[in-house]
Amino acid sequence: MRNQRKKYGKLGSAAAEGVLGVTSGDELISLFPGALQVLQDFHNGMYPGMKIAAASSADTPLAVTIGKAAMNILEVFPSVSVRQVFAKGWASDSLFEGNMQIGRTAPLSSDKSRTHFPILQKETGIAYENMLFFDDCIWSDHCAMVSQNCPGVVTHRTPSGLQYSDWLNGLKAFHQKKSRMMTSQAP
């Protein structure tokens, strides 16, 4: 990212300081506080066996480049980037890109349900019924499209960005769905 400026500050509830934001042009790119807390909890091992991925429909190749660069700069903890947290638990941690489906350029499109999710499933080996999707898009309902075209994915809209309460509500819905599935499969 050209002409980037980093903004430093306290990383959520962590006592340490790190990179909270980075500029691209005049825009400051940063995480929502709830998203930061989720990534900190994930990094600290609060969700054993869980893996995380991104399905973003960044609208231009430049937006994709900027988004990926920001993920390498923004910190969850000092010296731990967002990208490093997304890599946690995957086969080769730092080199795996299959969990990062970002953009709209082929083979991706603006319809995450038709492109991003099938690719995520293929690249990660994770079945739809084991996925939980949060989306903050306010101009299109990607959650409805994913629910319709990717049966089994639990979705949760976050039009105000991912808040910690959204995370907890999404996890609750996911666990409730898994419980119903287990009950319906019991002899």
N, C-alpha and C. Protein backbone atom coordinates (compact mmCIF):
# COMPACT_ATOMS: atom_id res chain seq x y z
N MET A 1 0.85 -1.17 0.00
CA MET A 1 0.00 0.00 0.00
C MET A 1 0.90 1.23 0.00
N ARG A 2 0.76 2.05 -1.00
CA ARG A 2 1.54 3.28 -1.09
C ARG A 2 1.06 4.30 -0.07
N ASN A 3 1.99 5.11 0.38
CA ASN A 3 1.67 6.21 1.28
C ASN A 3 0.91 5.75 2.52
N GLN A 4 1.24 4.58 3.01
CA GLN A 4 0.54 4.09 4.19
C GLN A 4 1.08 4.74 5.45
N ARG A 5 0.17 4.98 6.35
CA ARG A 5 0.53 5.46 7.67
C ARG A 5 -0.14 4.52 8.65
N LYS A 6 0.61 4.11 9.63
CA LYS A 6 0.07 3.20 10.65
C LYS A 6 -0.41 4.00 11.84
N LYS A 7 -1.51 3.54 12.40
CA LYS A 7 -2.03 4.14 13.63
C LYS A 7 -1.80 3.12 14.75
N TYR A 8 -1.13 3.53 15.78
CA TYR A 8 -0.83 2.65 16.90
C TYR A 8 -1.74 2.97 18.08
N GLY A 9 -2.02 1.97 18.89
CA GLY A 9 -2.83 2.16 20.07
C GLY A 9 -3.03 0.85 20.80
N LYS A 10 -3.85 0.90 21.83
CA LYS A 10 -4.13 -0.28 22.65
C LYS A 10 -4.96 -1.26 21.83
N LEU A 11 -4.52 -2.51 21.81
CA LEU A 11 -5.19 -3.55 21.04
C LEU A 11 -6.34 -4.16 21.85
N GLY A 12 -7.48 -3.49 21.81
CA GLY A 12 -8.67 -4.00 22.50
C GLY A 12 -8.43 -4.11 23.99
N SER A 13 -8.85 -5.24 24.55
CA SER A 13 -8.70 -5.45 25.99
C SER A 13 -7.29 -5.93 26.35
N ALA A 14 -6.47 -6.22 25.34
CA ALA A 14 -5.08 -6.60 25.61
C ALA A 14 -4.35 -5.38 26.17
N ALA A 15 -3.44 -5.64 27.06
CA ALA A 15 -2.71 -4.54 27.70
C ALA A 15 -1.68 -3.92 26.76
N ALA A 16 -1.35 -4.59 25.69
CA ALA A 16 -0.27 -4.15 24.81
C ALA A 16 -0.77 -3.22 23.71
N GLU A 17 0.17 -2.50 23.12
CA GLU A 17 -0.14 -1.63 21.99
C GLU A 17 0.38 -2.24 20.71
N GLY A 18 -0.29 -1.89 19.61
CA GLY A 18 0.12 -2.40 18.32
C GLY A 18 -0.53 -1.59 17.22
N VAL A 19 -0.49 -2.12 15.99
CA VAL A 19 -1.02 -1.42 14.84
C VAL A 19 -2.54 -1.61 14.80
N LEU A 20 -3.28 -0.54 15.10
CA LEU A 20 -4.75 -0.55 15.12
C LEU A 20 -5.37 -0.18 13.78
N GLY A 21 -4.61 0.56 12.99
CA GLY A 21 -5.14 1.03 11.73
C GLY A 21 -4.03 1.34 10.75
N VAL A 22 -4.39 1.36 9.49
CA VAL A 22 -3.44 1.72 8.44
C VAL A 22 -4.21 2.52 7.39
N THR A 23 -3.59 3.55 6.88
CA THR A 23 -4.27 4.37 5.89
C THR A 23 -4.00 3.87 4.48
N SER A 24 -4.99 4.06 3.65
CA SER A 24 -4.87 3.86 2.21
C SER A 24 -5.45 5.13 1.61
N GLY A 25 -4.59 5.96 1.07
CA GLY A 25 -5.04 7.29 0.65
C GLY A 25 -5.45 8.06 1.89
N ASP A 26 -6.68 8.56 1.89
CA ASP A 26 -7.20 9.30 3.04
C ASP A 26 -8.02 8.43 3.98
N GLU A 27 -8.21 7.16 3.62
CA GLU A 27 -9.08 6.26 4.39
C GLU A 27 -8.28 5.47 5.43
N LEU A 28 -8.80 5.38 6.64
CA LEU A 28 -8.20 4.56 7.69
C LEU A 28 -8.88 3.19 7.67
N ILE A 29 -8.09 2.17 7.53
CA ILE A 29 -8.60 0.79 7.57
C ILE A 29 -8.30 0.24 8.95
N SER A 30 -9.33 -0.28 9.61
CA SER A 30 -9.16 -0.84 10.95
C SER A 30 -10.20 -1.93 11.17
N LEU A 31 -10.01 -2.68 12.23
CA LEU A 31 -10.97 -3.72 12.60
C LEU A 31 -12.04 -3.13 13.50
N PHE A 32 -13.25 -3.67 13.40
CA PHE A 32 -14.27 -3.34 14.39
C PHE A 32 -13.80 -3.92 15.72
N PRO A 33 -14.08 -3.24 16.85
CA PRO A 33 -13.63 -3.75 18.15
C PRO A 33 -14.08 -5.19 18.42
N GLY A 34 -15.30 -5.53 18.02
CA GLY A 34 -15.78 -6.90 18.22
C GLY A 34 -14.99 -7.91 17.41
N ALA A 35 -14.64 -7.54 16.18
CA ALA A 35 -13.85 -8.43 15.32
C ALA A 35 -12.46 -8.64 15.93
N LEU A 36 -11.87 -7.56 16.46
CA LEU A 36 -10.57 -7.67 17.12
C LEU A 36 -10.65 -8.64 18.30
N GLN A 37 -11.70 -8.51 19.12
CA GLN A 37 -11.85 -9.40 20.28
C GLN A 37 -12.00 -10.85 19.85
N VAL A 38 -12.78 -11.09 18.79
CA VAL A 38 -12.96 -12.45 18.27
C VAL A 38 -11.61 -13.01 17.83
N LEU A 39 -10.85 -12.23 17.08
CA LEU A 39 -9.55 -12.72 16.60
C LEU A 39 -8.58 -12.95 17.76
N GLN A 40 -8.64 -12.10 18.78
CA GLN A 40 -7.79 -12.32 19.96
C GLN A 40 -8.18 -13.61 20.67
N ASP A 41 -9.48 -13.82 20.84
CA ASP A 41 -9.94 -15.06 21.49
C ASP A 41 -9.53 -16.29 20.68
N PHE A 42 -9.71 -16.21 19.37
CA PHE A 42 -9.34 -17.31 18.49
C PHE A 42 -7.84 -17.60 18.60
N HIS A 43 -7.04 -16.55 18.52
CA HIS A 43 -5.58 -16.72 18.61
C HIS A 43 -5.18 -17.30 19.95
N ASN A 44 -5.89 -16.95 21.01
CA ASN A 44 -5.58 -17.45 22.36
C ASN A 44 -6.10 -18.86 22.61
N GLY A 45 -6.70 -19.49 21.60
CA GLY A 45 -7.11 -20.88 21.73
C GLY A 45 -8.46 -21.11 22.37
N MET A 46 -9.32 -20.10 22.40
CA MET A 46 -10.64 -20.27 23.01
C MET A 46 -11.56 -21.17 22.19
N TYR A 47 -11.22 -21.42 20.94
CA TYR A 47 -12.08 -22.22 20.07
C TYR A 47 -11.26 -23.35 19.44
N PRO A 48 -10.91 -24.37 20.24
CA PRO A 48 -10.08 -25.46 19.72
C PRO A 48 -10.73 -26.15 18.52
N GLY A 49 -9.92 -26.42 17.51
CA GLY A 49 -10.41 -27.10 16.32
C GLY A 49 -11.03 -26.19 15.29
N MET A 50 -11.33 -24.95 15.66
CA MET A 50 -11.94 -24.00 14.73
C MET A 50 -10.87 -23.45 13.80
N LYS A 51 -11.28 -23.18 12.56
CA LYS A 51 -10.44 -22.50 11.59
C LYS A 51 -11.25 -21.35 11.02
N ILE A 52 -10.56 -20.30 10.58
CA ILE A 52 -11.29 -19.16 10.04
C ILE A 52 -10.88 -18.90 8.60
N ALA A 53 -11.78 -18.26 7.87
CA ALA A 53 -11.58 -17.97 6.46
C ALA A 53 -12.22 -16.64 6.12
N ALA A 54 -11.91 -16.14 4.91
CA ALA A 54 -12.51 -14.89 4.43
C ALA A 54 -13.18 -15.13 3.09
N ALA A 55 -14.39 -14.61 2.96
CA ALA A 55 -15.12 -14.61 1.70
C ALA A 55 -15.56 -13.17 1.47
N SER A 56 -14.71 -12.43 0.78
CA SER A 56 -14.97 -11.00 0.58
C SER A 56 -15.15 -10.70 -0.89
N SER A 57 -16.10 -9.83 -1.18
CA SER A 57 -16.31 -9.44 -2.58
C SER A 57 -15.77 -8.04 -2.82
N ALA A 58 -14.52 -7.81 -2.41
CA ALA A 58 -13.86 -6.53 -2.69
C ALA A 58 -14.06 -6.24 -4.17
N ASP A 59 -14.43 -5.01 -4.48
CA ASP A 59 -14.97 -4.74 -5.82
C ASP A 59 -13.98 -4.44 -6.93
N THR A 60 -12.71 -4.26 -6.63
CA THR A 60 -11.73 -4.05 -7.69
C THR A 60 -10.44 -4.80 -7.33
N PRO A 61 -9.60 -5.09 -8.32
CA PRO A 61 -8.31 -5.71 -8.01
C PRO A 61 -7.48 -4.86 -7.03
N LEU A 62 -7.57 -3.53 -7.15
CA LEU A 62 -6.86 -2.66 -6.22
C LEU A 62 -7.40 -2.84 -4.79
N ALA A 63 -8.72 -2.94 -4.65
CA ALA A 63 -9.32 -3.15 -3.32
C ALA A 63 -8.85 -4.47 -2.72
N VAL A 64 -8.70 -5.49 -3.55
CA VAL A 64 -8.20 -6.78 -3.08
C VAL A 64 -6.77 -6.62 -2.58
N THR A 65 -5.94 -5.96 -3.36
CA THR A 65 -4.54 -5.74 -2.97
C THR A 65 -4.45 -4.96 -1.67
N ILE A 66 -5.25 -3.91 -1.55
CA ILE A 66 -5.25 -3.09 -0.34
C ILE A 66 -5.74 -3.90 0.86
N GLY A 67 -6.82 -4.66 0.68
CA GLY A 67 -7.35 -5.47 1.77
C GLY A 67 -6.35 -6.50 2.27
N LYS A 68 -5.70 -7.19 1.34
CA LYS A 68 -4.70 -8.20 1.74
C LYS A 68 -3.50 -7.54 2.42
N ALA A 69 -3.07 -6.40 1.89
CA ALA A 69 -1.95 -5.69 2.51
C ALA A 69 -2.32 -5.26 3.93
N ALA A 70 -3.53 -4.75 4.11
CA ALA A 70 -3.97 -4.33 5.44
C ALA A 70 -3.99 -5.51 6.41
N MET A 71 -4.41 -6.68 5.94
CA MET A 71 -4.43 -7.86 6.80
C MET A 71 -3.03 -8.26 7.26
N ASN A 72 -2.02 -7.92 6.46
CA ASN A 72 -0.64 -8.20 6.85
C ASN A 72 -0.05 -7.16 7.77
N ILE A 73 -0.70 -5.99 7.87
CA ILE A 73 -0.19 -4.89 8.70
C ILE A 73 -0.94 -4.77 10.02
N LEU A 74 -2.27 -4.84 9.97
CA LEU A 74 -3.07 -4.70 11.20
C LEU A 74 -2.72 -5.82 12.18
N GLU A 75 -2.64 -5.46 13.45
CA GLU A 75 -2.24 -6.45 14.46
C GLU A 75 -3.40 -6.82 15.38
N VAL A 76 -3.38 -8.06 15.79
CA VAL A 76 -4.31 -8.60 16.77
C VAL A 76 -3.66 -8.54 18.15
N PHE A 77 -2.40 -8.86 18.17
CA PHE A 77 -1.49 -8.69 19.31
C PHE A 77 -0.21 -8.12 18.73
N PRO A 78 0.66 -7.54 19.56
CA PRO A 78 1.91 -7.01 19.01
C PRO A 78 2.65 -8.09 18.20
N SER A 79 3.04 -7.75 17.00
CA SER A 79 3.77 -8.64 16.09
C SER A 79 2.97 -9.83 15.61
N VAL A 80 1.65 -9.82 15.79
CA VAL A 80 0.77 -10.88 15.28
C VAL A 80 -0.27 -10.21 14.39
N SER A 81 -0.12 -10.39 13.07
CA SER A 81 -1.02 -9.73 12.13
C SER A 81 -2.35 -10.48 11.99
N VAL A 82 -3.34 -9.77 11.46
CA VAL A 82 -4.63 -10.39 11.16
C VAL A 82 -4.41 -11.59 10.25
N ARG A 83 -3.57 -11.43 9.24
CA ARG A 83 -3.31 -12.52 8.30
C ARG A 83 -2.73 -13.74 9.00
N GLN A 84 -1.84 -13.53 9.95
CA GLN A 84 -1.26 -14.65 10.71
C GLN A 84 -2.34 -15.38 11.51
N VAL A 85 -3.29 -14.65 12.05
CA VAL A 85 -4.37 -15.28 12.80
C VAL A 85 -5.25 -16.10 11.86
N PHE A 86 -5.56 -15.56 10.67
CA PHE A 86 -6.34 -16.31 9.69
C PHE A 86 -5.61 -17.58 9.25
N ALA A 87 -4.29 -17.58 9.29
CA ALA A 87 -3.50 -18.75 8.87
C ALA A 87 -3.44 -19.82 9.95
N LYS A 88 -3.78 -19.49 11.17
CA LYS A 88 -3.64 -20.43 12.30
C LYS A 88 -4.47 -21.69 12.08
N GLY A 89 -3.81 -22.83 12.21
CA GLY A 89 -4.51 -24.11 12.14
C GLY A 89 -4.57 -24.74 10.77
N TRP A 90 -4.18 -24.01 9.73
CA TRP A 90 -4.19 -24.58 8.39
C TRP A 90 -2.89 -25.33 8.16
N ALA A 91 -2.88 -26.22 7.20
CA ALA A 91 -1.77 -27.14 6.94
C ALA A 91 -0.39 -26.51 7.05
N SER A 92 -0.15 -25.46 6.33
CA SER A 92 1.18 -24.85 6.35
C SER A 92 1.11 -23.42 6.88
N ASP A 93 0.19 -23.20 7.77
CA ASP A 93 -0.06 -21.90 8.39
C ASP A 93 0.22 -20.69 7.51
N SER A 94 1.45 -20.28 7.34
CA SER A 94 1.72 -19.00 6.69
C SER A 94 1.56 -19.02 5.17
N LEU A 95 1.58 -20.18 4.55
CA LEU A 95 1.55 -20.22 3.09
C LEU A 95 0.18 -20.53 2.50
N PHE A 96 -0.74 -21.05 3.29
CA PHE A 96 -2.04 -21.48 2.78
C PHE A 96 -2.90 -20.29 2.42
N GLU A 97 -3.44 -20.25 1.21
CA GLU A 97 -4.29 -19.16 0.74
C GLU A 97 -5.72 -19.63 0.46
N GLY A 98 -5.98 -20.93 0.53
CA GLY A 98 -7.29 -21.45 0.18
C GLY A 98 -8.41 -20.93 1.04
N ASN A 99 -8.10 -20.47 2.24
CA ASN A 99 -9.11 -19.92 3.13
C ASN A 99 -9.33 -18.43 2.92
N MET A 100 -8.65 -17.85 1.95
CA MET A 100 -8.73 -16.42 1.70
C MET A 100 -9.29 -16.16 0.31
N GLN A 101 -10.60 -16.15 0.18
CA GLN A 101 -11.25 -15.91 -1.10
C GLN A 101 -11.74 -14.47 -1.11
N ILE A 102 -10.93 -13.60 -1.70
CA ILE A 102 -11.18 -12.17 -1.66
C ILE A 102 -11.21 -11.60 -3.07
N GLY A 103 -12.29 -10.91 -3.41
CA GLY A 103 -12.38 -10.22 -4.68
C GLY A 103 -13.58 -10.64 -5.51
N ARG A 104 -13.61 -10.12 -6.75
CA ARG A 104 -14.69 -10.42 -7.69
C ARG A 104 -14.14 -10.80 -9.06
N THR A 105 -12.84 -10.86 -9.17
CA THR A 105 -12.21 -11.22 -10.44
C THR A 105 -12.23 -12.73 -10.57
N ALA A 106 -12.54 -13.23 -11.78
CA ALA A 106 -12.63 -14.67 -12.02
C ALA A 106 -11.41 -15.38 -11.43
N PRO A 107 -11.65 -16.50 -10.75
CA PRO A 107 -12.88 -17.28 -10.73
C PRO A 107 -13.92 -16.80 -9.71
N LEU A 108 -13.64 -15.72 -8.98
CA LEU A 108 -14.59 -15.18 -8.02
C LEU A 108 -15.58 -14.25 -8.73
N SER A 109 -16.69 -13.93 -8.04
CA SER A 109 -17.69 -13.02 -8.59
C SER A 109 -18.31 -12.24 -7.44
N SER A 110 -19.30 -11.42 -7.73
CA SER A 110 -19.99 -10.68 -6.68
C SER A 110 -20.93 -11.58 -5.88
N ASP A 111 -21.24 -12.77 -6.39
CA ASP A 111 -22.12 -13.72 -5.70
C ASP A 111 -21.27 -14.75 -4.96
N LYS A 112 -21.04 -14.48 -3.68
CA LYS A 112 -20.20 -15.35 -2.85
C LYS A 112 -20.72 -16.78 -2.81
N SER A 113 -22.03 -16.94 -2.90
CA SER A 113 -22.62 -18.29 -2.81
C SER A 113 -22.28 -19.14 -4.02
N ARG A 114 -22.03 -18.52 -5.15
CA ARG A 114 -21.73 -19.25 -6.40
C ARG A 114 -20.24 -19.45 -6.63
N THR A 115 -19.41 -18.62 -6.01
CA THR A 115 -17.97 -18.72 -6.27
C THR A 115 -17.15 -18.90 -4.99
N HIS A 116 -17.20 -17.95 -4.10
CA HIS A 116 -16.36 -17.99 -2.91
C HIS A 116 -16.58 -19.27 -2.08
N PHE A 117 -17.82 -19.59 -1.81
CA PHE A 117 -18.10 -20.74 -0.94
C PHE A 117 -17.75 -22.08 -1.56
N PRO A 118 -18.09 -22.34 -2.82
CA PRO A 118 -17.64 -23.60 -3.42
C PRO A 118 -16.11 -23.72 -3.43
N ILE A 119 -15.42 -22.60 -3.67
CA ILE A 119 -13.96 -22.64 -3.65
C ILE A 119 -13.45 -22.88 -2.23
N LEU A 120 -14.04 -22.19 -1.26
CA LEU A 120 -13.65 -22.42 0.14
C LEU A 120 -13.83 -23.89 0.52
N GLN A 121 -14.96 -24.46 0.13
CA GLN A 121 -15.23 -25.86 0.46
C GLN A 121 -14.18 -26.77 -0.18
N LYS A 122 -13.89 -26.53 -1.44
CA LYS A 122 -12.91 -27.36 -2.16
C LYS A 122 -11.51 -27.20 -1.58
N GLU A 123 -11.10 -25.96 -1.36
CA GLU A 123 -9.73 -25.69 -0.89
C GLU A 123 -9.48 -26.12 0.55
N THR A 124 -10.50 -26.00 1.39
CA THR A 124 -10.31 -26.30 2.82
C THR A 124 -10.77 -27.70 3.21
N GLY A 125 -11.64 -28.30 2.40
CA GLY A 125 -12.19 -29.60 2.77
C GLY A 125 -13.24 -29.52 3.85
N ILE A 126 -13.72 -28.33 4.15
CA ILE A 126 -14.73 -28.15 5.20
C ILE A 126 -16.11 -28.13 4.56
N ALA A 127 -16.99 -29.01 5.03
CA ALA A 127 -18.34 -29.10 4.50
C ALA A 127 -19.15 -27.87 4.90
N TYR A 128 -20.14 -27.55 4.06
CA TYR A 128 -20.99 -26.39 4.35
C TYR A 128 -21.62 -26.46 5.74
N GLU A 129 -22.02 -27.65 6.17
CA GLU A 129 -22.69 -27.74 7.47
C GLU A 129 -21.75 -27.47 8.64
N ASN A 130 -20.47 -27.30 8.35
CA ASN A 130 -19.50 -26.95 9.38
C ASN A 130 -19.00 -25.52 9.24
N MET A 131 -19.75 -24.71 8.49
CA MET A 131 -19.36 -23.32 8.27
C MET A 131 -20.35 -22.36 8.91
N LEU A 132 -19.81 -21.26 9.42
CA LEU A 132 -20.59 -20.16 9.97
C LEU A 132 -20.11 -18.90 9.26
N PHE A 133 -21.02 -18.16 8.65
CA PHE A 133 -20.69 -17.01 7.82
C PHE A 133 -21.30 -15.74 8.38
N PHE A 134 -20.45 -14.72 8.57
CA PHE A 134 -20.89 -13.40 9.00
C PHE A 134 -20.70 -12.45 7.82
N ASP A 135 -21.67 -11.57 7.58
CA ASP A 135 -21.54 -10.64 6.47
C ASP A 135 -22.08 -9.27 6.86
N ASP A 136 -21.27 -8.24 6.57
CA ASP A 136 -21.66 -6.87 6.93
C ASP A 136 -22.14 -6.05 5.73
N CYS A 137 -22.34 -6.70 4.60
CA CYS A 137 -22.78 -6.00 3.40
C CYS A 137 -24.17 -5.38 3.62
N ILE A 138 -24.31 -4.09 3.24
CA ILE A 138 -25.60 -3.43 3.42
C ILE A 138 -26.33 -3.19 2.10
N TRP A 139 -25.72 -3.54 0.97
CA TRP A 139 -26.39 -3.32 -0.32
C TRP A 139 -26.88 -4.61 -0.96
N SER A 140 -26.51 -5.75 -0.40
CA SER A 140 -26.97 -7.04 -0.92
C SER A 140 -27.01 -8.03 0.24
N ASP A 141 -27.94 -8.96 0.19
CA ASP A 141 -28.06 -9.94 1.27
C ASP A 141 -27.32 -11.22 0.92
N HIS A 142 -26.00 -11.19 1.14
CA HIS A 142 -25.18 -12.37 0.87
C HIS A 142 -25.56 -13.53 1.78
N CYS A 143 -26.03 -13.23 2.97
CA CYS A 143 -26.43 -14.31 3.88
C CYS A 143 -27.58 -15.11 3.28
N ALA A 144 -28.57 -14.44 2.72
CA ALA A 144 -29.71 -15.14 2.10
C ALA A 144 -29.24 -15.96 0.91
N MET A 145 -28.34 -15.40 0.09
CA MET A 145 -27.84 -16.13 -1.07
C MET A 145 -27.04 -17.36 -0.65
N VAL A 146 -26.20 -17.20 0.36
CA VAL A 146 -25.41 -18.33 0.84
C VAL A 146 -26.32 -19.39 1.45
N SER A 147 -27.30 -18.99 2.24
CA SER A 147 -28.25 -19.95 2.82
C SER A 147 -28.98 -20.74 1.74
N GLN A 148 -29.36 -20.07 0.69
CA GLN A 148 -30.11 -20.71 -0.39
C GLN A 148 -29.25 -21.62 -1.25
N ASN A 149 -28.04 -21.19 -1.58
CA ASN A 149 -27.22 -21.91 -2.54
C ASN A 149 -26.13 -22.79 -1.94
N CYS A 150 -25.92 -22.68 -0.64
CA CYS A 150 -24.89 -23.47 0.04
C CYS A 150 -25.54 -24.11 1.27
N PRO A 151 -26.39 -25.12 1.05
CA PRO A 151 -27.16 -25.70 2.15
C PRO A 151 -26.28 -26.18 3.30
N GLY A 152 -26.66 -25.74 4.48
CA GLY A 152 -25.96 -26.15 5.68
C GLY A 152 -25.18 -25.03 6.33
N VAL A 153 -24.77 -24.03 5.55
CA VAL A 153 -24.01 -22.91 6.13
C VAL A 153 -24.93 -22.10 7.03
N VAL A 154 -24.50 -21.85 8.25
CA VAL A 154 -25.22 -20.96 9.16
C VAL A 154 -24.74 -19.55 8.86
N THR A 155 -25.68 -18.62 8.68
CA THR A 155 -25.31 -17.25 8.34
C THR A 155 -25.82 -16.27 9.39
N HIS A 156 -25.12 -15.15 9.49
CA HIS A 156 -25.53 -14.10 10.44
C HIS A 156 -25.14 -12.75 9.86
N ARG A 157 -26.13 -11.89 9.63
CA ARG A 157 -25.88 -10.55 9.09
C ARG A 157 -25.34 -9.63 10.18
N THR A 158 -24.38 -8.80 9.78
CA THR A 158 -23.77 -7.84 10.70
C THR A 158 -23.69 -6.47 10.02
N PRO A 159 -24.82 -5.83 9.76
CA PRO A 159 -24.82 -4.57 9.01
C PRO A 159 -24.06 -3.44 9.69
N SER A 160 -23.77 -3.56 10.96
CA SER A 160 -22.97 -2.55 11.67
C SER A 160 -21.55 -3.04 11.89
N GLY A 161 -21.12 -4.02 11.11
CA GLY A 161 -19.81 -4.62 11.32
C GLY A 161 -19.90 -5.68 12.41
N LEU A 162 -18.93 -6.57 12.44
CA LEU A 162 -18.97 -7.66 13.42
C LEU A 162 -18.78 -7.12 14.84
N GLN A 163 -19.84 -7.23 15.62
CA GLN A 163 -19.80 -6.89 17.04
C GLN A 163 -19.62 -8.20 17.82
N TYR A 164 -19.11 -8.11 19.02
CA TYR A 164 -18.89 -9.33 19.79
C TYR A 164 -20.20 -10.07 20.04
N SER A 165 -21.28 -9.34 20.24
CA SER A 165 -22.59 -9.98 20.44
C SER A 165 -23.02 -10.73 19.18
N ASP A 166 -22.69 -10.22 17.99
CA ASP A 166 -22.99 -10.94 16.74
C ASP A 166 -22.25 -12.27 16.72
N TRP A 167 -20.99 -12.23 17.11
CA TRP A 167 -20.18 -13.45 17.15
C TRP A 167 -20.84 -14.49 18.06
N LEU A 168 -21.21 -14.06 19.25
CA LEU A 168 -21.83 -14.99 20.21
C LEU A 168 -23.17 -15.51 19.68
N ASN A 169 -23.98 -14.64 19.08
CA ASN A 169 -25.26 -15.08 18.52
C ASN A 169 -25.06 -16.04 17.35
N GLY A 170 -24.07 -15.77 16.51
CA GLY A 170 -23.77 -16.68 15.42
C GLY A 170 -23.32 -18.04 15.91
N LEU A 171 -22.44 -18.05 16.92
CA LEU A 171 -21.99 -19.32 17.51
C LEU A 171 -23.16 -20.10 18.11
N LYS A 172 -24.06 -19.37 18.78
CA LYS A 172 -25.23 -20.01 19.39
C LYS A 172 -26.10 -20.66 18.30
N ALA A 173 -26.35 -19.94 17.21
CA ALA A 173 -27.15 -20.49 16.11
C ALA A 173 -26.47 -21.70 15.49
N PHE A 174 -25.16 -21.63 15.35
CA PHE A 174 -24.40 -22.74 14.79
C PHE A 174 -24.52 -23.98 15.69
N HIS A 175 -24.33 -23.80 16.98
CA HIS A 175 -24.42 -24.93 17.91
C HIS A 175 -25.84 -25.49 18.00
N GLN A 176 -26.84 -24.62 17.93
CA GLN A 176 -28.22 -25.09 17.93
C GLN A 176 -28.50 -25.94 16.70
N LYS A 177 -28.02 -25.50 15.54
CA LYS A 177 -28.20 -26.27 14.31
C LYS A 177 -27.50 -27.61 14.40
N LYS A 178 -26.29 -27.63 14.94
CA LYS A 178 -25.55 -28.89 15.09
C LYS A 178 -26.28 -29.82 16.05
N SER A 179 -26.86 -29.28 17.12
CA SER A 179 -27.62 -30.10 18.07
C SER A 179 -28.85 -30.71 17.42
N ARG A 180 -29.56 -29.90 16.62
CA ARG A 180 -30.73 -30.42 15.90
C ARG A 180 -30.33 -31.52 14.93
N MET A 181 -29.22 -31.35 14.26
CA MET A 181 -28.74 -32.36 13.32
C MET A 181 -28.42 -33.66 14.05
N MET A 182 -27.77 -33.54 15.20
CA MET A 182 -27.41 -34.73 15.99
C MET A 182 -28.66 -35.44 16.48
N THR A 183 -29.64 -34.66 16.91
CA THR A 183 -30.88 -35.24 17.42
C THR A 183 -31.64 -35.95 16.29
N SER A 184 -31.67 -35.34 15.12
CA SER A 184 -32.41 -35.95 14.00
C SER A 184 -31.71 -37.19 13.45
N GLN A 185 -30.40 -37.31 13.69
CA GLN A 185 -29.66 -38.47 13.20
C GLN A 185 -29.59 -39.59 14.23
N ALA A 186 -30.04 -39.32 15.44
CA ALA A 186 -30.00 -40.35 16.49
C ALA A 186 -30.99 -41.47 16.16
N PRO A 187 -30.59 -42.72 16.49
CA PRO A 187 -31.49 -43.85 16.18
C PRO A 187 -32.78 -43.84 16.97
